[in-house]
């Protein structure tokens, strides 16, 4: 597992745990990403938490959250799937130059 994968898992877990005790995140898949101007990585994560209103708000606000990740910025965080007790989110991380 790469440093950026570990760092994002920790950041997302810590942030989610502020709204729901026992929340956690795990990596589903990771793939390199690039455009004509930028390089980065797409990380798909499963975030688990007991269902509660605060977690639902956190999940809804995640695309606008300021998640600090050394060497990268979070360009997007898109909810891919939602089911009882879990959400699958795809993050696009772009390398800072």
N, C-alpha and C. Protein backbone atom coordinates (compact mmCIF):
# COMPACT_ATOMS: atom_id res chain seq x y z
N UNK A 1 0.85 -1.18 0.00
CA UNK A 1 0.00 0.00 0.00
C UNK A 1 0.90 1.24 0.00
N UNK A 2 0.55 2.20 -0.82
CA UNK A 2 1.36 3.41 -0.93
C UNK A 2 1.09 4.38 0.23
N UNK A 3 2.00 5.34 0.37
CA UNK A 3 1.84 6.36 1.41
C UNK A 3 0.56 7.14 1.20
N UNK A 4 0.25 7.54 -0.02
CA UNK A 4 -0.95 8.34 -0.27
C UNK A 4 -2.21 7.54 0.05
N UNK A 5 -2.21 6.26 -0.22
CA UNK A 5 -3.36 5.41 0.13
C UNK A 5 -3.52 5.35 1.65
N UNK A 6 -2.43 5.08 2.36
CA UNK A 6 -2.48 5.02 3.83
C UNK A 6 -2.93 6.35 4.42
N UNK A 7 -2.37 7.45 3.89
CA UNK A 7 -2.70 8.77 4.42
C UNK A 7 -4.19 9.09 4.23
N UNK A 8 -4.71 8.80 3.03
CA UNK A 8 -6.12 9.10 2.80
C UNK A 8 -7.03 8.25 3.67
N UNK A 9 -6.70 6.99 3.84
CA UNK A 9 -7.49 6.12 4.73
C UNK A 9 -7.53 6.71 6.14
N UNK A 10 -6.38 7.13 6.65
CA UNK A 10 -6.34 7.71 8.00
C UNK A 10 -7.14 9.00 8.08
N UNK A 11 -6.97 9.88 7.11
CA UNK A 11 -7.69 11.17 7.12
C UNK A 11 -9.19 10.95 7.06
N UNK A 12 -9.64 10.08 6.18
CA UNK A 12 -11.08 9.82 6.05
C UNK A 12 -11.63 9.13 7.29
N UNK A 13 -10.90 8.16 7.82
CA UNK A 13 -11.34 7.47 9.04
C UNK A 13 -11.45 8.45 10.20
N UNK A 14 -10.42 9.27 10.40
CA UNK A 14 -10.45 10.24 11.51
C UNK A 14 -11.60 11.23 11.35
N UNK A 15 -11.81 11.71 10.14
CA UNK A 15 -12.89 12.66 9.90
C UNK A 15 -14.26 12.03 10.13
N UNK A 16 -14.47 10.84 9.60
CA UNK A 16 -15.76 10.15 9.77
C UNK A 16 -16.00 9.81 11.23
N UNK A 17 -14.94 9.41 11.95
CA UNK A 17 -15.09 9.03 13.36
C UNK A 17 -15.51 10.20 14.24
N UNK A 18 -15.30 11.43 13.78
CA UNK A 18 -15.77 12.59 14.53
C UNK A 18 -17.30 12.66 14.55
N UNK A 19 -17.95 12.01 13.59
CA UNK A 19 -19.41 12.04 13.52
C UNK A 19 -20.05 10.72 13.93
N UNK A 20 -19.29 9.63 13.82
CA UNK A 20 -19.84 8.31 14.15
C UNK A 20 -18.75 7.45 14.77
N UNK A 21 -18.91 7.16 16.05
CA UNK A 21 -17.94 6.30 16.73
C UNK A 21 -17.86 4.96 16.01
N UNK A 22 -16.64 4.48 15.82
CA UNK A 22 -16.46 3.20 15.16
C UNK A 22 -16.39 3.28 13.65
N UNK A 23 -16.43 4.47 13.09
CA UNK A 23 -16.34 4.61 11.64
C UNK A 23 -14.96 4.18 11.17
N UNK A 24 -14.89 3.69 9.95
CA UNK A 24 -13.61 3.27 9.39
C UNK A 24 -13.64 3.35 7.88
N UNK A 25 -12.47 3.32 7.28
CA UNK A 25 -12.36 3.36 5.82
C UNK A 25 -11.36 2.30 5.37
N UNK A 26 -11.63 1.74 4.22
CA UNK A 26 -10.71 0.76 3.64
C UNK A 26 -10.63 0.98 2.13
N UNK A 27 -9.51 0.62 1.58
CA UNK A 27 -9.26 0.81 0.16
C UNK A 27 -9.93 -0.31 -0.63
N UNK A 28 -10.69 0.07 -1.65
CA UNK A 28 -11.30 -0.90 -2.57
C UNK A 28 -10.41 -1.08 -3.78
N UNK A 29 -9.97 0.06 -4.36
CA UNK A 29 -9.06 -0.01 -5.50
C UNK A 29 -8.35 1.33 -5.67
N UNK A 30 -7.24 1.27 -6.37
CA UNK A 30 -6.43 2.46 -6.63
C UNK A 30 -5.89 2.36 -8.04
N UNK A 31 -5.92 3.48 -8.76
CA UNK A 31 -5.33 3.47 -10.10
C UNK A 31 -4.77 4.85 -10.40
N UNK A 32 -3.66 4.86 -11.13
CA UNK A 32 -3.06 6.12 -11.53
C UNK A 32 -4.00 6.86 -12.46
N UNK A 33 -3.87 8.18 -12.44
CA UNK A 33 -4.71 9.04 -13.27
C UNK A 33 -3.84 10.17 -13.81
N UNK A 34 -4.12 10.60 -15.02
CA UNK A 34 -3.42 11.76 -15.55
C UNK A 34 -4.27 12.44 -16.62
N UNK A 35 -4.01 13.72 -16.79
CA UNK A 35 -4.61 14.50 -17.87
C UNK A 35 -3.45 15.16 -18.60
N UNK A 36 -3.74 16.03 -19.53
CA UNK A 36 -2.65 16.68 -20.25
C UNK A 36 -1.86 17.63 -19.35
N UNK A 37 -2.46 18.06 -18.22
CA UNK A 37 -1.79 19.01 -17.34
C UNK A 37 -1.44 18.47 -15.95
N UNK A 38 -2.12 17.43 -15.52
CA UNK A 38 -1.97 16.98 -14.14
C UNK A 38 -1.77 15.48 -14.05
N UNK A 39 -1.16 15.05 -12.94
CA UNK A 39 -1.02 13.64 -12.59
C UNK A 39 -1.64 13.43 -11.23
N UNK A 40 -2.09 12.21 -11.01
CA UNK A 40 -2.68 11.92 -9.71
C UNK A 40 -3.06 10.46 -9.59
N UNK A 41 -4.05 10.23 -8.75
CA UNK A 41 -4.51 8.87 -8.49
C UNK A 41 -6.00 8.92 -8.16
N UNK A 42 -6.71 7.89 -8.60
CA UNK A 42 -8.11 7.70 -8.21
C UNK A 42 -8.14 6.59 -7.17
N UNK A 43 -8.72 6.89 -6.03
CA UNK A 43 -8.83 5.91 -4.94
C UNK A 43 -10.30 5.68 -4.64
N UNK A 44 -10.72 4.45 -4.67
CA UNK A 44 -12.08 4.10 -4.28
C UNK A 44 -12.00 3.49 -2.90
N UNK A 45 -12.81 4.05 -1.99
CA UNK A 45 -12.78 3.60 -0.60
C UNK A 45 -14.18 3.23 -0.14
N UNK A 46 -14.24 2.26 0.76
CA UNK A 46 -15.49 1.94 1.44
C UNK A 46 -15.39 2.54 2.84
N UNK A 47 -16.38 3.33 3.18
CA UNK A 47 -16.43 3.96 4.50
C UNK A 47 -17.59 3.33 5.25
N UNK A 48 -17.29 2.75 6.40
CA UNK A 48 -18.32 2.10 7.20
C UNK A 48 -18.57 2.91 8.47
N UNK A 49 -19.82 2.94 8.86
CA UNK A 49 -20.20 3.65 10.09
C UNK A 49 -21.63 3.27 10.44
N UNK A 50 -21.91 3.26 11.75
CA UNK A 50 -23.31 3.07 12.15
C UNK A 50 -24.13 4.23 11.59
N UNK A 51 -25.31 3.92 11.14
CA UNK A 51 -26.15 4.97 10.55
C UNK A 51 -26.59 5.95 11.63
N UNK A 52 -26.30 7.23 11.38
CA UNK A 52 -26.80 8.29 12.24
C UNK A 52 -26.84 9.57 11.43
N UNK A 53 -27.57 10.54 11.92
CA UNK A 53 -27.79 11.78 11.19
C UNK A 53 -26.49 12.56 10.95
N UNK A 54 -25.61 12.59 11.93
CA UNK A 54 -24.35 13.33 11.79
C UNK A 54 -23.48 12.71 10.70
N UNK A 55 -23.43 11.39 10.63
CA UNK A 55 -22.65 10.74 9.59
C UNK A 55 -23.25 11.01 8.22
N UNK A 56 -24.56 10.98 8.12
CA UNK A 56 -25.22 11.27 6.84
C UNK A 56 -24.90 12.69 6.37
N UNK A 57 -24.89 13.64 7.29
CA UNK A 57 -24.50 15.02 6.95
C UNK A 57 -23.05 15.08 6.49
N UNK A 58 -22.17 14.38 7.23
CA UNK A 58 -20.75 14.34 6.87
C UNK A 58 -20.58 13.79 5.46
N UNK A 59 -21.29 12.72 5.16
CA UNK A 59 -21.21 12.10 3.84
C UNK A 59 -21.70 13.05 2.76
N UNK A 60 -22.77 13.76 3.02
CA UNK A 60 -23.31 14.72 2.05
C UNK A 60 -22.34 15.89 1.82
N UNK A 61 -21.61 16.28 2.86
CA UNK A 61 -20.68 17.40 2.77
C UNK A 61 -19.27 17.00 2.33
N UNK A 62 -19.02 15.71 2.21
CA UNK A 62 -17.69 15.22 1.86
C UNK A 62 -17.13 15.81 0.55
N UNK A 63 -17.93 15.98 -0.50
CA UNK A 63 -17.37 16.55 -1.73
C UNK A 63 -16.78 17.96 -1.54
N UNK A 64 -17.22 18.69 -0.54
CA UNK A 64 -16.73 20.04 -0.29
C UNK A 64 -15.73 20.11 0.87
N UNK A 65 -15.46 18.97 1.49
CA UNK A 65 -14.57 18.94 2.66
C UNK A 65 -13.15 19.30 2.27
N UNK A 66 -12.44 19.93 3.18
CA UNK A 66 -11.05 20.29 2.98
C UNK A 66 -10.18 19.22 3.62
N UNK A 67 -9.89 18.17 2.87
CA UNK A 67 -9.07 17.07 3.37
C UNK A 67 -7.63 17.36 3.00
N UNK A 68 -6.78 17.51 3.99
CA UNK A 68 -5.37 17.85 3.79
C UNK A 68 -4.55 16.58 3.60
N UNK A 69 -3.87 16.50 2.48
CA UNK A 69 -3.08 15.33 2.15
C UNK A 69 -1.75 15.80 1.57
N UNK A 70 -0.67 15.48 2.24
CA UNK A 70 0.66 15.95 1.85
C UNK A 70 0.97 15.58 0.39
N UNK A 71 1.28 16.61 -0.42
CA UNK A 71 1.68 16.41 -1.80
C UNK A 71 0.55 16.30 -2.80
N UNK A 72 -0.69 16.30 -2.32
CA UNK A 72 -1.86 16.14 -3.18
C UNK A 72 -2.96 17.07 -2.72
N UNK A 73 -3.87 17.37 -3.63
CA UNK A 73 -5.12 17.98 -3.20
C UNK A 73 -6.26 17.11 -3.69
N UNK A 74 -7.34 17.10 -2.94
CA UNK A 74 -8.50 16.29 -3.28
C UNK A 74 -9.34 17.08 -4.27
N UNK A 75 -9.32 16.64 -5.53
CA UNK A 75 -10.05 17.34 -6.58
C UNK A 75 -11.53 16.97 -6.57
N UNK A 76 -11.84 15.74 -6.17
CA UNK A 76 -13.25 15.35 -6.08
C UNK A 76 -13.40 14.17 -5.13
N UNK A 77 -14.60 14.07 -4.59
CA UNK A 77 -14.99 12.95 -3.73
C UNK A 77 -16.43 12.63 -4.08
N UNK A 78 -16.63 11.57 -4.86
CA UNK A 78 -17.96 11.25 -5.39
C UNK A 78 -18.52 9.98 -4.77
N UNK A 79 -19.73 10.09 -4.26
CA UNK A 79 -20.43 8.93 -3.71
C UNK A 79 -20.81 8.01 -4.87
N UNK A 80 -20.33 6.78 -4.81
CA UNK A 80 -20.56 5.81 -5.87
C UNK A 80 -21.70 4.86 -5.49
N UNK A 81 -21.75 4.50 -4.22
CA UNK A 81 -22.75 3.54 -3.75
C UNK A 81 -23.04 3.81 -2.29
N UNK A 82 -24.30 3.66 -1.92
CA UNK A 82 -24.71 3.82 -0.52
C UNK A 82 -25.58 2.65 -0.14
N UNK A 83 -25.24 1.99 0.94
CA UNK A 83 -26.06 0.91 1.49
C UNK A 83 -26.01 0.99 3.01
N UNK A 84 -26.82 0.25 3.67
CA UNK A 84 -26.89 0.28 5.12
C UNK A 84 -25.51 0.01 5.72
N UNK A 85 -25.00 0.97 6.47
CA UNK A 85 -23.74 0.81 7.17
C UNK A 85 -22.49 1.07 6.36
N UNK A 86 -22.63 1.39 5.08
CA UNK A 86 -21.43 1.60 4.26
C UNK A 86 -21.70 2.55 3.09
N UNK A 87 -20.65 3.24 2.70
CA UNK A 87 -20.70 4.10 1.52
C UNK A 87 -19.41 3.87 0.74
N UNK A 88 -19.52 3.82 -0.57
CA UNK A 88 -18.35 3.71 -1.43
C UNK A 88 -18.15 5.07 -2.08
N UNK A 89 -16.94 5.61 -1.91
CA UNK A 89 -16.62 6.95 -2.40
C UNK A 89 -15.36 6.86 -3.26
N UNK A 90 -15.41 7.53 -4.41
CA UNK A 90 -14.23 7.61 -5.26
C UNK A 90 -13.61 9.00 -5.13
N UNK A 91 -12.34 9.01 -4.78
CA UNK A 91 -11.58 10.25 -4.61
C UNK A 91 -10.63 10.42 -5.79
N UNK A 92 -10.53 11.64 -6.29
CA UNK A 92 -9.52 11.97 -7.28
C UNK A 92 -8.51 12.87 -6.58
N UNK A 93 -7.28 12.39 -6.48
CA UNK A 93 -6.20 13.14 -5.85
C UNK A 93 -5.25 13.60 -6.94
N UNK A 94 -4.95 14.89 -6.96
CA UNK A 94 -4.08 15.47 -7.97
C UNK A 94 -2.79 15.92 -7.28
N UNK A 95 -1.67 15.56 -7.89
CA UNK A 95 -0.37 15.94 -7.34
C UNK A 95 -0.22 17.46 -7.35
N UNK A 96 0.28 17.99 -6.24
CA UNK A 96 0.59 19.42 -6.18
C UNK A 96 1.96 19.63 -6.80
N UNK A 97 2.09 20.69 -7.54
CA UNK A 97 3.40 20.98 -8.17
C UNK A 97 4.09 22.11 -7.48
